[in-house]
Amino acid sequence: MMTSVAKGLIVLGAVMIVSGLCLHMFGKIPGIGRLPGDLLIKKENFALYLPITTSLLISLILSLLFFVWNQK
C-alpha cells in the first residue's frame, strides 16, 4: 500500500517539476490554452476567461493516463 502512495507522489512531483519548467521557459504550456471553445468575455473594467475546452482536454488526458497506469 505504501509503495503505491509513494510512487504516486513521485509521479505527481515529476509532473509538477516538468510543468514548472515549461511555464518558466515558454511562459505557458505549449499547445494548451486559447483553444476554440474557450470563452473570453471582456467589458470595460472586467475580463472573464473560461477555459472550457482546455479543461476538457486536460481532463481527458489525465483520465487516459490514470487508466493506463491502473492497468498494470
PDB file of N, CA and C in Angstrom:
ATOM      1  N   MET A   1       0.823  -1.193   0.000  1.00  0.00           N
ATOM      2  CA  MET A   1       0.000   0.000   0.000  1.00  0.00           C
ATOM      3  C   MET A   1       0.863   1.250   0.000  1.00  0.00           C
ATOM      4  N   MET A   2       1.850   1.305   0.852  1.00  0.00           N
ATOM      5  CA  MET A   2       2.685   2.496   0.952  1.00  0.00           C
ATOM      6  C   MET A   2       3.509   2.726  -0.307  1.00  0.00           C
ATOM      7  N   THR A   3       3.901   1.660  -0.975  1.00  0.00           N
ATOM      8  CA  THR A   3       4.713   1.854  -2.168  1.00  0.00           C
ATOM      9  C   THR A   3       3.906   2.500  -3.289  1.00  0.00           C
ATOM     10  N   SER A   4       2.614   2.191  -3.393  1.00  0.00           N
ATOM     11  CA  SER A   4       1.805   2.807  -4.441  1.00  0.00           C
ATOM     12  C   SER A   4       1.578   4.290  -4.142  1.00  0.00           C
ATOM     13  N   VAL A   5       1.422   4.638  -2.865  1.00  0.00           N
ATOM     14  CA  VAL A   5       1.283   6.044  -2.496  1.00  0.00           C
ATOM     15  C   VAL A   5       2.585   6.782  -2.780  1.00  0.00           C
ATOM     16  N   ALA A   6       3.689   6.164  -2.447  1.00  0.00           N
ATOM     17  CA  ALA A   6       4.992   6.785  -2.688  1.00  0.00           C
ATOM     18  C   ALA A   6       5.226   6.985  -4.186  1.00  0.00           C
ATOM     19  N   LYS A   7       4.894   5.998  -4.992  1.00  0.00           N
ATOM     20  CA  LYS A   7       5.052   6.119  -6.439  1.00  0.00           C
ATOM     21  C   LYS A   7       4.165   7.223  -6.990  1.00  0.00           C
ATOM     22  N   GLY A   8       2.948   7.304  -6.485  1.00  0.00           N
ATOM     23  CA  GLY A   8       2.032   8.351  -6.928  1.00  0.00           C
ATOM     24  C   GLY A   8       2.563   9.740  -6.606  1.00  0.00           C
ATOM     25  N   LEU A   9       3.118   9.903  -5.411  1.00  0.00           N
ATOM     26  CA  LEU A   9       3.685  11.197  -5.029  1.00  0.00           C
ATOM     27  C   LEU A   9       4.909  11.544  -5.868  1.00  0.00           C
ATOM     28  N   ILE A  10       5.717  10.549  -6.194  1.00  0.00           N
ATOM     29  CA  ILE A  10       6.881  10.790  -7.043  1.00  0.00           C
ATOM     30  C   ILE A  10       6.447  11.213  -8.437  1.00  0.00           C
ATOM     31  N   VAL A  11       5.453  10.542  -8.998  1.00  0.00           N
ATOM     32  CA  VAL A  11       4.948  10.897 -10.328  1.00  0.00           C
ATOM     33  C   VAL A  11       4.335  12.291 -10.297  1.00  0.00           C
ATOM     34  N   LEU A  12       3.555  12.591  -9.278  1.00  0.00           N
ATOM     35  CA  LEU A  12       2.954  13.912  -9.150  1.00  0.00           C
ATOM     36  C   LEU A  12       4.027  14.995  -9.049  1.00  0.00           C
ATOM     37  N   GLY A  13       5.056  14.739  -8.274  1.00  0.00           N
ATOM     38  CA  GLY A  13       6.159  15.689  -8.155  1.00  0.00           C
ATOM     39  C   GLY A  13       6.878  15.896  -9.479  1.00  0.00           C
ATOM     40  N   ALA A  14       7.095  14.812 -10.219  1.00  0.00           N
ATOM     41  CA  ALA A  14       7.765  14.922 -11.519  1.00  0.00           C
ATOM     42  C   ALA A  14       6.917  15.729 -12.503  1.00  0.00           C
ATOM     43  N   VAL A  15       5.614  15.505 -12.499  1.00  0.00           N
ATOM     44  CA  VAL A  15       4.723  16.264 -13.377  1.00  0.00           C
ATOM     45  C   VAL A  15       4.747  17.747 -13.011  1.00  0.00           C
ATOM     46  N   MET A  16       4.759  18.043 -11.725  1.00  0.00           N
ATOM     47  CA  MET A  16       4.797  19.437 -11.293  1.00  0.00           C
ATOM     48  C   MET A  16       6.117  20.103 -11.686  1.00  0.00           C
ATOM     49  N   ILE A  17       7.221  19.381 -11.589  1.00  0.00           N
ATOM     50  CA  ILE A  17       8.522  19.935 -11.982  1.00  0.00           C
ATOM     51  C   ILE A  17       8.550  20.213 -13.478  1.00  0.00           C
ATOM     52  N   VAL A  18       8.090  19.265 -14.284  1.00  0.00           N
ATOM     53  CA  VAL A  18       8.070  19.463 -15.741  1.00  0.00           C
ATOM     54  C   VAL A  18       7.154  20.625 -16.115  1.00  0.00           C
ATOM     55  N   SER A  19       5.991  20.697 -15.484  1.00  0.00           N
ATOM     56  CA  SER A  19       5.063  21.809 -15.755  1.00  0.00           C
ATOM     57  C   SER A  19       5.684  23.141 -15.373  1.00  0.00           C
ATOM     58  N   GLY A  20       6.341  23.194 -14.229  1.00  0.00           N
ATOM     59  CA  GLY A  20       7.001  24.419 -13.792  1.00  0.00           C
ATOM     60  C   GLY A  20       8.104  24.839 -14.737  1.00  0.00           C
ATOM     61  N   LEU A  21       8.890  23.886 -15.224  1.00  0.00           N
ATOM     62  CA  LEU A  21       9.948  24.210 -16.182  1.00  0.00           C
ATOM     63  C   LEU A  21       9.372  24.726 -17.498  1.00  0.00           C
ATOM     64  N   CYS A  22       8.289  24.111 -17.966  1.00  0.00           N
ATOM     65  CA  CYS A  22       7.643  24.574 -19.199  1.00  0.00           C
ATOM     66  C   CYS A  22       7.115  25.996 -19.027  1.00  0.00           C
ATOM     67  N   LEU A  23       6.483  26.255 -17.892  1.00  0.00           N
ATOM     68  CA  LEU A  23       5.957  27.598 -17.646  1.00  0.00           C
ATOM     69  C   LEU A  23       7.092  28.620 -17.554  1.00  0.00           C
ATOM     70  N   HIS A  24       8.185  28.231 -16.948  1.00  0.00           N
ATOM     71  CA  HIS A  24       9.324  29.138 -16.820  1.00  0.00           C
ATOM     72  C   HIS A  24       9.974  29.421 -18.181  1.00  0.00           C
ATOM     73  N   MET A  25      10.100  28.392 -19.016  1.00  0.00           N
ATOM     74  CA  MET A  25      10.792  28.548 -20.293  1.00  0.00           C
ATOM     75  C   MET A  25       9.899  29.174 -21.363  1.00  0.00           C
ATOM     76  N   PHE A  26       8.641  28.780 -21.418  1.00  0.00           N
ATOM     77  CA  PHE A  26       7.767  29.206 -22.508  1.00  0.00           C
ATOM     78  C   PHE A  26       6.723  30.242 -22.098  1.00  0.00           C
ATOM     79  N   GLY A  27       6.520  30.441 -20.809  1.00  0.00           N
ATOM     80  CA  GLY A  27       5.501  31.374 -20.352  1.00  0.00           C
ATOM     81  C   GLY A  27       4.126  30.728 -20.269  1.00  0.00           C
ATOM     82  N   LYS A  28       3.966  29.601 -20.912  1.00  0.00           N
ATOM     83  CA  LYS A  28       2.742  28.804 -20.825  1.00  0.00           C
ATOM     84  C   LYS A  28       3.068  27.410 -21.314  1.00  0.00           C
ATOM     85  N   ILE A  29       2.178  26.485 -21.066  1.00  0.00           N
ATOM     86  CA  ILE A  29       2.392  25.123 -21.548  1.00  0.00           C
ATOM     87  C   ILE A  29       2.062  25.100 -23.037  1.00  0.00           C
ATOM     88  N   PRO A  30       3.010  24.693 -23.887  1.00  0.00           N
ATOM     89  CA  PRO A  30       2.790  24.732 -25.335  1.00  0.00           C
ATOM     90  C   PRO A  30       1.580  23.902 -25.766  1.00  0.00           C
ATOM     91  N   GLY A  31       0.752  24.477 -26.620  1.00  0.00           N
ATOM     92  CA  GLY A  31      -0.402  23.774 -27.159  1.00  0.00           C
ATOM     93  C   GLY A  31      -1.631  23.800 -26.269  1.00  0.00           C
ATOM     94  N   ILE A  32      -1.526  24.370 -25.088  1.00  0.00           N
ATOM     95  CA  ILE A  32      -2.660  24.417 -24.160  1.00  0.00           C
ATOM     96  C   ILE A  32      -3.069  25.870 -23.957  1.00  0.00           C
ATOM     97  N   GLY A  33      -4.332  26.134 -24.033  1.00  0.00           N
ATOM     98  CA  GLY A  33      -4.849  27.476 -23.783  1.00  0.00           C
ATOM     99  C   GLY A  33      -5.310  28.138 -25.065  1.00  0.00           C
ATOM    100  N   ARG A  34      -6.343  28.953 -24.954  1.00  0.00           N
ATOM    101  CA  ARG A  34      -6.916  29.697 -26.087  1.00  0.00           C
ATOM    102  C   ARG A  34      -7.344  28.774 -27.221  1.00  0.00           C
ATOM    103  N   LEU A  35      -7.945  27.659 -26.863  1.00  0.00           N
ATOM    104  CA  LEU A  35      -8.474  26.737 -27.857  1.00  0.00           C
ATOM    105  C   LEU A  35      -9.868  27.183 -28.273  1.00  0.00           C
ATOM    106  N   PRO A  36     -10.350  26.742 -29.443  1.00  0.00           N
ATOM    107  CA  PRO A  36     -11.735  27.039 -29.805  1.00  0.00           C
ATOM    108  C   PRO A  36     -12.671  26.424 -28.757  1.00  0.00           C
ATOM    109  N   GLY A  37     -13.599  27.186 -28.287  1.00  0.00           N
ATOM    110  CA  GLY A  37     -14.493  26.726 -27.237  1.00  0.00           C
ATOM    111  C   GLY A  37     -14.169  27.331 -25.884  1.00  0.00           C
ATOM    112  N   ASP A  38     -12.998  27.933 -25.753  1.00  0.00           N
ATOM    113  CA  ASP A  38     -12.665  28.677 -24.547  1.00  0.00           C
ATOM    114  C   ASP A  38     -13.318  30.047 -24.664  1.00  0.00           C
ATOM    115  N   LEU A  39     -13.978  30.471 -23.619  1.00  0.00           N
ATOM    116  CA  LEU A  39     -14.730  31.717 -23.662  1.00  0.00           C
ATOM    117  C   LEU A  39     -13.929  32.860 -23.043  1.00  0.00           C
ATOM    118  N   LEU A  40     -13.959  34.006 -23.706  1.00  0.00           N
ATOM    119  CA  LEU A  40     -13.335  35.216 -23.197  1.00  0.00           C
ATOM    120  C   LEU A  40     -14.368  36.334 -23.266  1.00  0.00           C
ATOM    121  N   ILE A  41     -14.742  36.850 -22.113  1.00  0.00           N
ATOM    122  CA  ILE A  41     -15.724  37.922 -22.033  1.00  0.00           C
ATOM    123  C   ILE A  41     -15.010  39.167 -21.532  1.00  0.00           C
ATOM    124  N   LYS A  42     -15.006  40.221 -22.337  1.00  0.00           N
ATOM    125  CA  LYS A  42     -14.347  41.471 -21.958  1.00  0.00           C
ATOM    126  C   LYS A  42     -15.376  42.587 -21.879  1.00  0.00           C
ATOM    127  N   LYS A  43     -15.333  43.306 -20.786  1.00  0.00           N
ATOM    128  CA  LYS A  43     -16.128  44.514 -20.602  1.00  0.00           C
ATOM    129  C   LYS A  43     -15.143  45.652 -20.346  1.00  0.00           C
ATOM    130  N   GLU A  44     -15.620  46.807 -19.980  1.00  0.00           N
ATOM    131  CA  GLU A  44     -14.740  47.955 -19.781  1.00  0.00           C
ATOM    132  C   GLU A  44     -13.657  47.689 -18.738  1.00  0.00           C
ATOM    133  N   ASN A  45     -14.041  47.341 -17.529  1.00  0.00           N
ATOM    134  CA  ASN A  45     -13.079  47.099 -16.459  1.00  0.00           C
ATOM    135  C   ASN A  45     -13.138  45.666 -15.956  1.00  0.00           C
ATOM    136  N   PHE A  46     -13.462  44.749 -16.838  1.00  0.00           N
ATOM    137  CA  PHE A  46     -13.695  43.371 -16.419  1.00  0.00           C
ATOM    138  C   PHE A  46     -13.329  42.427 -17.555  1.00  0.00           C
ATOM    139  N   ALA A  47     -12.657  41.355 -17.206  1.00  0.00           N
ATOM    140  CA  ALA A  47     -12.358  40.299 -18.178  1.00  0.00           C
ATOM    141  C   ALA A  47     -12.559  38.952 -17.496  1.00  0.00           C
ATOM    142  N   LEU A  48     -13.256  38.050 -18.174  1.00  0.00           N
ATOM    143  CA  LEU A  48     -13.515  36.721 -17.648  1.00  0.00           C
ATOM    144  C   LEU A  48     -13.096  35.703 -18.701  1.00  0.00           C
ATOM    145  N   TYR A  49     -12.200  34.798 -18.317  1.00  0.00           N
ATOM    146  CA  TYR A  49     -11.727  33.758 -19.220  1.00  0.00           C
ATOM    147  C   TYR A  49     -12.186  32.411 -18.671  1.00  0.00           C
ATOM    148  N   LEU A  50     -12.978  31.687 -19.447  1.00  0.00           N
ATOM    149  CA  LEU A  50     -13.468  30.367 -19.061  1.00  0.00           C
ATOM    150  C   LEU A  50     -12.879  29.322 -20.010  1.00  0.00           C
ATOM    151  N   PRO A  51     -11.845  28.615 -19.571  1.00  0.00           N
ATOM    152  CA  PRO A  51     -11.174  27.641 -20.450  1.00  0.00           C
ATOM    153  C   PRO A  51     -11.907  26.300 -20.490  1.00  0.00           C
ATOM    154  N   ILE A  52     -13.076  26.284 -21.082  1.00  0.00           N
ATOM    155  CA  ILE A  52     -13.913  25.078 -21.092  1.00  0.00           C
ATOM    156  C   ILE A  52     -13.255  23.961 -21.901  1.00  0.00           C
ATOM    157  N   THR A  53     -12.864  24.242 -23.124  1.00  0.00           N
ATOM    158  CA  THR A  53     -12.258  23.223 -23.983  1.00  0.00           C
ATOM    159  C   THR A  53     -10.916  22.770 -23.429  1.00  0.00           C
ATOM    160  N   THR A  54     -10.127  23.703 -22.922  1.00  0.00           N
ATOM    161  CA  THR A  54      -8.834  23.354 -22.342  1.00  0.00           C
ATOM    162  C   THR A  54      -9.019  22.439 -21.137  1.00  0.00           C
ATOM    163  N   SER A  55      -9.997  22.730 -20.303  1.00  0.00           N
ATOM    164  CA  SER A  55     -10.269  21.895 -19.130  1.00  0.00           C
ATOM    165  C   SER A  55     -10.703  20.491 -19.543  1.00  0.00           C
ATOM    166  N   LEU A  56     -11.544  20.393 -20.558  1.00  0.00           N
ATOM    167  CA  LEU A  56     -11.971  19.079 -21.040  1.00  0.00           C
ATOM    168  C   LEU A  56     -10.796  18.281 -21.612  1.00  0.00           C
ATOM    169  N   LEU A  57      -9.911  18.951 -22.331  1.00  0.00           N
ATOM    170  CA  LEU A  57      -8.746  18.282 -22.909  1.00  0.00           C
ATOM    171  C   LEU A  57      -7.805  17.775 -21.818  1.00  0.00           C
ATOM    172  N   ILE A  58      -7.535  18.601 -20.820  1.00  0.00           N
ATOM    173  CA  ILE A  58      -6.658  18.186 -19.723  1.00  0.00           C
ATOM    174  C   ILE A  58      -7.300  17.033 -18.950  1.00  0.00           C
ATOM    175  N   SER A  59      -8.609  17.098 -18.731  1.00  0.00           N
ATOM    176  CA  SER A  59      -9.308  16.022 -18.029  1.00  0.00           C
ATOM    177  C   SER A  59      -9.227  14.712 -18.811  1.00  0.00           C
ATOM    178  N   LEU A  60      -9.394  14.775 -20.113  1.00  0.00           N
ATOM    179  CA  LEU A  60      -9.305  13.578 -20.951  1.00  0.00           C
ATOM    180  C   LEU A  60      -7.907  12.966 -20.896  1.00  0.00           C
ATOM    181  N   ILE A  61      -6.885  13.805 -21.000  1.00  0.00           N
ATOM    182  CA  ILE A  61      -5.501  13.318 -20.964  1.00  0.00           C
ATOM    183  C   ILE A  61      -5.193  12.674 -19.620  1.00  0.00           C
ATOM    184  N   LEU A  62      -5.581  13.334 -18.523  1.00  0.00           N
ATOM    185  CA  LEU A  62      -5.322  12.773 -17.197  1.00  0.00           C
ATOM    186  C   LEU A  62      -6.105  11.478 -16.973  1.00  0.00           C
ATOM    187  N   SER A  63      -7.332  11.417 -17.457  1.00  0.00           N
ATOM    188  CA  SER A  63      -8.125  10.191 -17.329  1.00  0.00           C
ATOM    189  C   SER A  63      -7.467   9.029 -18.069  1.00  0.00           C
ATOM    190  N   LEU A  64      -6.974   9.293 -19.259  1.00  0.00           N
ATOM    191  CA  LEU A  64      -6.284   8.242 -20.020  1.00  0.00           C
ATOM    192  C   LEU A  64      -5.008   7.799 -19.325  1.00  0.00           C
ATOM    193  N   LEU A  65      -4.246   8.755 -18.790  1.00  0.00           N
ATOM    194  CA  LEU A  65      -3.013   8.401 -18.079  1.00  0.00           C
ATOM    195  C   LEU A  65      -3.305   7.543 -16.850  1.00  0.00           C
ATOM    196  N   PHE A  66      -4.311   7.925 -16.059  1.00  0.00           N
ATOM    197  CA  PHE A  66      -4.651   7.147 -14.880  1.00  0.00           C
ATOM    198  C   PHE A  66      -5.223   5.787 -15.250  1.00  0.00           C
ATOM    199  N   PHE A  67      -5.965   5.701 -16.348  1.00  0.00           N
ATOM    200  CA  PHE A  67      -6.493   4.428 -16.809  1.00  0.00           C
ATOM    201  C   PHE A  67      -5.360   3.482 -17.185  1.00  0.00           C
ATOM    202  N   VAL A  68      -4.393   3.993 -17.935  1.00  0.00           N
ATOM    203  CA  VAL A  68      -3.243   3.165 -18.344  1.00  0.00           C
ATOM    204  C   VAL A  68      -2.417   2.777 -17.135  1.00  0.00           C
ATOM    205  N   TRP A  69      -2.234   3.714 -16.208  1.00  0.00           N
ATOM    206  CA  TRP A  69      -1.438   3.452 -15.009  1.00  0.00           C
ATOM    207  C   TRP A  69      -2.090   2.382 -14.135  1.00  0.00           C
ATOM    208  N   ASN A  70      -3.418   2.369 -14.035  1.00  0.00           N
ATOM    209  CA  ASN A  70      -4.114   1.400 -13.198  1.00  0.00           C
ATOM    210  C   ASN A  70      -4.237   0.028 -13.856  1.00  0.00           C
ATOM    211  N   GLN A  71      -3.916  -0.090 -15.142  1.00  0.00           N
ATOM    212  CA  GLN A  71      -3.995  -1.380 -15.841  1.00  0.00           C
ATOM    213  C   GLN A  71      -2.803  -2.271 -15.518  1.00  0.00           C
ATOM    214  N   LYS A  72      -1.760  -1.726 -14.928  1.00  0.00           N
ATOM    215  CA  LYS A  72      -0.559  -2.522 -14.626  1.00  0.00           C
ATOM    216  C   LYS A  72      -0.779  -3.458 -13.499  1.00  0.00           C
TER     217      LYS A  72
END
